[in-house]
Amino acid sequence: MLEMGMIPEVQAATAAFMILFTASCTTFQFLILGMLDVSLAAWYLCIGAAGAFVGQTVFGYLLERYNKKSLIIFCLAFVIALSGILMVYTGVLDLKKNGIEGAGGLCDKPVAAHAGHVHQ
């Protein structure tokens, strides 16, 4: 979108809306199919909203005070690096616990569908 000449604020708002729209559609699909624990989803919604509010408030203050847009980039880089490290860590723990045989195929076990049918 930046290549099309769109200003960064509009591009960021458009991207945020599309992410919200996609996540909402997926959530509603899980809800309709009965695959969503509503009480757990409500907790995640509250935690996510509180985190977004705190993050927006803190970063708004930091950007206004220091006028350094690179703070956002460094924070995102840190979160992405940390998540990558934690994914490797949990994968190694899973391999230690279950061994290499713990990673079976998707079709190894029959799974009951939510409409009362059984897929095999």
N, C-alpha and C. Protein backbone atom coordinates (compact mmCIF):
# COMPACT_ATOMS: atom_id res chain seq x y z
N MET A 1 0.81 -1.19 0.00
CA MET A 1 0.00 0.00 0.00
C MET A 1 0.86 1.26 0.00
N LEU A 2 2.02 1.16 0.63
CA LEU A 2 2.93 2.31 0.61
C LEU A 2 3.41 2.59 -0.80
N GLU A 3 3.60 1.52 -1.59
CA GLU A 3 4.04 1.68 -2.98
C GLU A 3 3.00 2.40 -3.82
N MET A 4 1.73 2.31 -3.43
CA MET A 4 0.65 2.96 -4.17
C MET A 4 0.50 4.42 -3.76
N GLY A 5 1.33 4.89 -2.83
CA GLY A 5 1.30 6.28 -2.43
C GLY A 5 0.39 6.57 -1.24
N MET A 6 -0.06 5.52 -0.57
CA MET A 6 -0.93 5.70 0.58
C MET A 6 -0.08 6.17 1.77
N ILE A 7 -0.60 7.12 2.53
CA ILE A 7 0.16 7.61 3.67
C ILE A 7 0.22 6.52 4.75
N PRO A 8 1.30 6.47 5.54
CA PRO A 8 1.51 5.38 6.49
C PRO A 8 0.37 5.20 7.50
N GLU A 9 -0.23 6.30 7.95
CA GLU A 9 -1.30 6.18 8.95
C GLU A 9 -2.51 5.46 8.37
N VAL A 10 -2.86 5.77 7.13
CA VAL A 10 -3.98 5.11 6.47
C VAL A 10 -3.65 3.65 6.21
N GLN A 11 -2.42 3.39 5.81
CA GLN A 11 -1.98 2.02 5.55
C GLN A 11 -2.04 1.20 6.82
N ALA A 12 -1.59 1.75 7.94
CA ALA A 12 -1.61 1.03 9.21
C ALA A 12 -3.04 0.77 9.66
N ALA A 13 -3.92 1.75 9.50
CA ALA A 13 -5.32 1.57 9.90
C ALA A 13 -6.00 0.53 9.03
N THR A 14 -5.71 0.52 7.73
CA THR A 14 -6.30 -0.47 6.83
C THR A 14 -5.81 -1.86 7.18
N ALA A 15 -4.53 -2.02 7.44
CA ALA A 15 -3.99 -3.32 7.81
C ALA A 15 -4.58 -3.80 9.13
N ALA A 16 -4.71 -2.91 10.09
CA ALA A 16 -5.29 -3.28 11.39
C ALA A 16 -6.74 -3.72 11.23
N PHE A 17 -7.51 -3.01 10.40
CA PHE A 17 -8.90 -3.41 10.17
C PHE A 17 -8.99 -4.77 9.51
N MET A 18 -8.13 -5.04 8.54
CA MET A 18 -8.17 -6.33 7.85
C MET A 18 -7.80 -7.48 8.80
N ILE A 19 -6.86 -7.24 9.69
CA ILE A 19 -6.50 -8.26 10.68
C ILE A 19 -7.67 -8.50 11.62
N LEU A 20 -8.31 -7.43 12.09
CA LEU A 20 -9.47 -7.56 12.96
C LEU A 20 -10.61 -8.30 12.26
N PHE A 21 -10.86 -7.96 10.99
CA PHE A 21 -11.92 -8.59 10.21
C PHE A 21 -11.66 -10.08 10.04
N THR A 22 -10.43 -10.44 9.68
CA THR A 22 -10.07 -11.85 9.47
C THR A 22 -10.18 -12.64 10.77
N ALA A 23 -9.67 -12.08 11.86
CA ALA A 23 -9.74 -12.77 13.15
C ALA A 23 -11.19 -12.92 13.61
N SER A 24 -12.01 -11.91 13.38
CA SER A 24 -13.42 -11.99 13.77
C SER A 24 -14.15 -13.06 12.98
N CYS A 25 -13.90 -13.13 11.69
CA CYS A 25 -14.54 -14.16 10.86
C CYS A 25 -14.15 -15.56 11.32
N THR A 26 -12.89 -15.75 11.61
CA THR A 26 -12.43 -17.06 12.08
C THR A 26 -13.05 -17.40 13.43
N THR A 27 -13.14 -16.42 14.32
CA THR A 27 -13.74 -16.64 15.62
C THR A 27 -15.20 -17.04 15.48
N PHE A 28 -15.94 -16.36 14.61
CA PHE A 28 -17.35 -16.69 14.39
C PHE A 28 -17.51 -18.08 13.78
N GLN A 29 -16.59 -18.48 12.90
CA GLN A 29 -16.64 -19.83 12.34
C GLN A 29 -16.48 -20.87 13.44
N PHE A 30 -15.52 -20.68 14.33
CA PHE A 30 -15.34 -21.61 15.44
C PHE A 30 -16.55 -21.61 16.35
N LEU A 31 -17.16 -20.44 16.58
CA LEU A 31 -18.34 -20.34 17.42
C LEU A 31 -19.52 -21.08 16.81
N ILE A 32 -19.75 -20.90 15.53
CA ILE A 32 -20.85 -21.56 14.84
C ILE A 32 -20.67 -23.07 14.84
N LEU A 33 -19.44 -23.54 14.68
CA LEU A 33 -19.16 -24.97 14.64
C LEU A 33 -19.10 -25.60 16.03
N GLY A 34 -19.25 -24.80 17.08
CA GLY A 34 -19.21 -25.33 18.43
C GLY A 34 -17.83 -25.70 18.91
N MET A 35 -16.81 -25.12 18.31
CA MET A 35 -15.44 -25.46 18.65
C MET A 35 -14.79 -24.41 19.54
N LEU A 36 -15.58 -23.49 20.10
CA LEU A 36 -15.03 -22.39 20.87
C LEU A 36 -15.61 -22.41 22.28
N ASP A 37 -14.73 -22.43 23.26
CA ASP A 37 -15.14 -22.30 24.66
C ASP A 37 -15.37 -20.82 24.91
N VAL A 38 -16.64 -20.43 25.03
CA VAL A 38 -17.00 -19.02 25.09
C VAL A 38 -16.43 -18.35 26.34
N SER A 39 -16.44 -19.04 27.47
CA SER A 39 -15.90 -18.42 28.69
C SER A 39 -14.40 -18.17 28.57
N LEU A 40 -13.69 -19.09 27.96
CA LEU A 40 -12.26 -18.90 27.75
C LEU A 40 -12.01 -17.78 26.73
N ALA A 41 -12.84 -17.73 25.70
CA ALA A 41 -12.71 -16.66 24.70
C ALA A 41 -12.97 -15.29 25.33
N ALA A 42 -13.90 -15.24 26.27
CA ALA A 42 -14.19 -13.96 26.94
C ALA A 42 -12.99 -13.50 27.75
N TRP A 43 -12.32 -14.43 28.42
CA TRP A 43 -11.11 -14.07 29.16
C TRP A 43 -10.04 -13.54 28.22
N TYR A 44 -9.84 -14.24 27.09
CA TYR A 44 -8.84 -13.79 26.12
C TYR A 44 -9.20 -12.42 25.55
N LEU A 45 -10.49 -12.18 25.34
CA LEU A 45 -10.93 -10.88 24.84
C LEU A 45 -10.58 -9.78 25.84
N CYS A 46 -10.87 -10.02 27.11
CA CYS A 46 -10.57 -9.01 28.14
C CYS A 46 -9.07 -8.76 28.27
N ILE A 47 -8.29 -9.83 28.28
CA ILE A 47 -6.84 -9.69 28.38
C ILE A 47 -6.27 -8.97 27.16
N GLY A 48 -6.77 -9.33 25.97
CA GLY A 48 -6.30 -8.68 24.75
C GLY A 48 -6.67 -7.21 24.70
N ALA A 49 -7.89 -6.88 25.12
CA ALA A 49 -8.32 -5.48 25.12
C ALA A 49 -7.51 -4.66 26.13
N ALA A 50 -7.28 -5.23 27.31
CA ALA A 50 -6.47 -4.53 28.32
C ALA A 50 -5.04 -4.34 27.83
N GLY A 51 -4.48 -5.37 27.21
CA GLY A 51 -3.12 -5.27 26.68
C GLY A 51 -3.01 -4.24 25.56
N ALA A 52 -4.02 -4.20 24.69
CA ALA A 52 -4.02 -3.21 23.62
C ALA A 52 -4.12 -1.80 24.18
N PHE A 53 -4.97 -1.60 25.19
CA PHE A 53 -5.11 -0.28 25.79
C PHE A 53 -3.82 0.17 26.46
N VAL A 54 -3.21 -0.72 27.25
CA VAL A 54 -1.96 -0.37 27.93
C VAL A 54 -0.85 -0.12 26.90
N GLY A 55 -0.75 -0.98 25.91
CA GLY A 55 0.28 -0.81 24.89
C GLY A 55 0.12 0.49 24.12
N GLN A 56 -1.12 0.79 23.74
CA GLN A 56 -1.38 2.03 23.00
C GLN A 56 -1.06 3.25 23.86
N THR A 57 -1.44 3.19 25.13
CA THR A 57 -1.20 4.31 26.02
C THR A 57 0.30 4.51 26.27
N VAL A 58 1.00 3.43 26.57
CA VAL A 58 2.43 3.52 26.86
C VAL A 58 3.21 3.96 25.63
N PHE A 59 2.93 3.35 24.47
CA PHE A 59 3.67 3.73 23.28
C PHE A 59 3.30 5.14 22.81
N GLY A 60 2.06 5.53 23.00
CA GLY A 60 1.68 6.91 22.68
C GLY A 60 2.48 7.90 23.50
N TYR A 61 2.62 7.60 24.79
CA TYR A 61 3.40 8.47 25.67
C TYR A 61 4.87 8.48 25.27
N LEU A 62 5.44 7.29 25.03
CA LEU A 62 6.87 7.22 24.68
C LEU A 62 7.16 7.91 23.35
N LEU A 63 6.27 7.72 22.38
CA LEU A 63 6.49 8.36 21.08
C LEU A 63 6.37 9.88 21.18
N GLU A 64 5.44 10.33 21.99
CA GLU A 64 5.28 11.78 22.16
C GLU A 64 6.46 12.39 22.91
N ARG A 65 6.95 11.66 23.91
CA ARG A 65 8.03 12.20 24.73
C ARG A 65 9.37 12.17 24.01
N TYR A 66 9.71 11.01 23.38
CA TYR A 66 11.03 10.86 22.78
C TYR A 66 11.05 11.11 21.27
N ASN A 67 9.89 11.08 20.63
CA ASN A 67 9.77 11.30 19.20
C ASN A 67 10.66 10.36 18.40
N LYS A 68 10.70 9.10 18.81
CA LYS A 68 11.50 8.07 18.14
C LYS A 68 10.57 6.97 17.66
N LYS A 69 10.33 6.92 16.36
CA LYS A 69 9.47 5.88 15.79
C LYS A 69 10.15 4.51 15.84
N SER A 70 11.46 4.50 16.02
CA SER A 70 12.19 3.23 16.06
C SER A 70 11.85 2.41 17.31
N LEU A 71 11.25 3.02 18.33
CA LEU A 71 10.85 2.26 19.52
C LEU A 71 9.87 1.17 19.16
N ILE A 72 8.95 1.46 18.25
CA ILE A 72 7.97 0.46 17.83
C ILE A 72 8.67 -0.67 17.10
N ILE A 73 9.60 -0.35 16.24
CA ILE A 73 10.31 -1.38 15.47
C ILE A 73 11.11 -2.27 16.40
N PHE A 74 11.80 -1.68 17.37
CA PHE A 74 12.58 -2.48 18.31
C PHE A 74 11.69 -3.36 19.17
N CYS A 75 10.56 -2.85 19.58
CA CYS A 75 9.62 -3.64 20.39
C CYS A 75 9.08 -4.82 19.57
N LEU A 76 8.68 -4.55 18.34
CA LEU A 76 8.19 -5.64 17.48
C LEU A 76 9.27 -6.67 17.22
N ALA A 77 10.48 -6.22 16.97
CA ALA A 77 11.59 -7.15 16.73
C ALA A 77 11.84 -8.01 17.96
N PHE A 78 11.76 -7.41 19.14
CA PHE A 78 11.95 -8.16 20.38
C PHE A 78 10.86 -9.22 20.55
N VAL A 79 9.61 -8.85 20.33
CA VAL A 79 8.49 -9.79 20.50
C VAL A 79 8.60 -10.93 19.49
N ILE A 80 8.93 -10.61 18.24
CA ILE A 80 9.05 -11.65 17.22
C ILE A 80 10.21 -12.58 17.54
N ALA A 81 11.34 -12.04 17.96
CA ALA A 81 12.49 -12.88 18.32
C ALA A 81 12.17 -13.75 19.52
N LEU A 82 11.53 -13.17 20.53
CA LEU A 82 11.17 -13.94 21.72
C LEU A 82 10.20 -15.07 21.37
N SER A 83 9.22 -14.79 20.52
CA SER A 83 8.27 -15.84 20.15
C SER A 83 8.97 -16.95 19.37
N GLY A 84 9.91 -16.60 18.52
CA GLY A 84 10.66 -17.63 17.79
C GLY A 84 11.49 -18.50 18.73
N ILE A 85 12.13 -17.88 19.69
CA ILE A 85 12.93 -18.63 20.68
C ILE A 85 12.02 -19.54 21.51
N LEU A 86 10.88 -19.03 21.94
CA LEU A 86 9.96 -19.84 22.74
C LEU A 86 9.35 -20.98 21.94
N MET A 87 9.12 -20.78 20.65
CA MET A 87 8.61 -21.87 19.81
C MET A 87 9.62 -23.00 19.72
N VAL A 88 10.89 -22.65 19.53
CA VAL A 88 11.94 -23.68 19.48
C VAL A 88 12.04 -24.38 20.83
N TYR A 89 11.98 -23.62 21.91
CA TYR A 89 12.07 -24.18 23.27
C TYR A 89 10.94 -25.17 23.53
N THR A 90 9.71 -24.77 23.22
CA THR A 90 8.58 -25.69 23.46
C THR A 90 8.65 -26.90 22.53
N GLY A 91 9.18 -26.72 21.32
CA GLY A 91 9.35 -27.86 20.42
C GLY A 91 10.36 -28.86 20.96
N VAL A 92 11.46 -28.35 21.50
CA VAL A 92 12.47 -29.24 22.09
C VAL A 92 11.91 -29.96 23.31
N LEU A 93 11.16 -29.25 24.15
CA LEU A 93 10.52 -29.91 25.31
C LEU A 93 9.55 -30.98 24.87
N ASP A 94 8.79 -30.72 23.81
CA ASP A 94 7.85 -31.71 23.30
C ASP A 94 8.59 -32.92 22.75
N LEU A 95 9.71 -32.70 22.07
CA LEU A 95 10.50 -33.82 21.57
C LEU A 95 11.08 -34.64 22.70
N LYS A 96 11.53 -33.98 23.77
CA LYS A 96 12.05 -34.72 24.92
C LYS A 96 10.96 -35.56 25.57
N LYS A 97 9.77 -35.01 25.65
CA LYS A 97 8.67 -35.71 26.33
C LYS A 97 8.12 -36.85 25.48
N ASN A 98 7.85 -36.58 24.20
CA ASN A 98 7.18 -37.55 23.34
C ASN A 98 8.09 -38.25 22.36
N GLY A 99 9.29 -37.76 22.19
CA GLY A 99 10.19 -38.34 21.20
C GLY A 99 9.76 -37.94 19.80
N ILE A 100 10.49 -38.41 18.83
CA ILE A 100 10.19 -38.07 17.44
C ILE A 100 8.91 -38.75 16.98
N GLU A 101 8.53 -39.83 17.63
CA GLU A 101 7.31 -40.54 17.26
C GLU A 101 6.06 -39.80 17.71
N GLY A 102 6.20 -38.82 18.59
CA GLY A 102 5.05 -38.06 19.06
C GLY A 102 4.44 -37.18 17.98
N ALA A 103 5.19 -36.92 16.92
CA ALA A 103 4.68 -36.10 15.82
C ALA A 103 4.09 -37.01 14.77
N GLY A 104 2.85 -37.43 14.99
CA GLY A 104 2.18 -38.32 14.05
C GLY A 104 1.50 -37.54 12.94
N GLY A 105 0.91 -38.29 12.03
CA GLY A 105 0.19 -37.67 10.92
C GLY A 105 -1.15 -37.12 11.37
N LEU A 106 -1.75 -36.34 10.52
CA LEU A 106 -3.04 -35.74 10.84
C LEU A 106 -4.18 -36.75 10.79
N CYS A 107 -4.01 -37.82 10.02
CA CYS A 107 -5.10 -38.78 9.81
C CYS A 107 -4.90 -40.08 10.60
N ASP A 108 -4.06 -40.06 11.63
CA ASP A 108 -3.80 -41.28 12.38
C ASP A 108 -4.97 -41.72 13.25
N LYS A 109 -5.71 -40.78 13.80
CA LYS A 109 -6.80 -41.11 14.72
C LYS A 109 -8.10 -40.59 14.15
N PRO A 110 -9.21 -41.34 14.33
CA PRO A 110 -10.49 -40.79 13.88
C PRO A 110 -10.91 -39.63 14.78
N VAL A 111 -11.47 -38.62 14.15
CA VAL A 111 -11.89 -37.43 14.87
C VAL A 111 -13.40 -37.28 14.72
N ALA A 112 -14.10 -37.11 15.83
CA ALA A 112 -15.55 -36.93 15.78
C ALA A 112 -15.85 -35.51 15.31
N ALA A 113 -16.72 -35.42 14.31
CA ALA A 113 -17.13 -34.10 13.82
C ALA A 113 -18.21 -33.55 14.74
N HIS A 114 -18.47 -32.29 14.62
CA HIS A 114 -19.42 -31.63 15.51
C HIS A 114 -20.86 -31.86 15.09
N ALA A 115 -21.08 -32.35 13.89
CA ALA A 115 -22.45 -32.59 13.43
C ALA A 115 -22.89 -34.01 13.76
N GLY A 116 -22.10 -34.76 14.53
CA GLY A 116 -22.46 -36.12 14.90
C GLY A 116 -21.89 -37.16 13.97
N HIS A 117 -21.15 -36.78 12.94
CA HIS A 117 -20.55 -37.72 12.03
C HIS A 117 -19.14 -38.04 12.50
N VAL A 118 -18.63 -39.18 12.09
CA VAL A 118 -17.27 -39.56 12.43
C VAL A 118 -16.48 -39.68 11.15
N HIS A 119 -15.39 -38.92 11.07
CA HIS A 119 -14.49 -39.00 9.91
C HIS A 119 -13.41 -39.99 10.21
N GLN A 120 -13.12 -40.85 9.25
CA GLN A 120 -12.05 -41.84 9.44
C GLN A 120 -11.08 -41.79 8.30
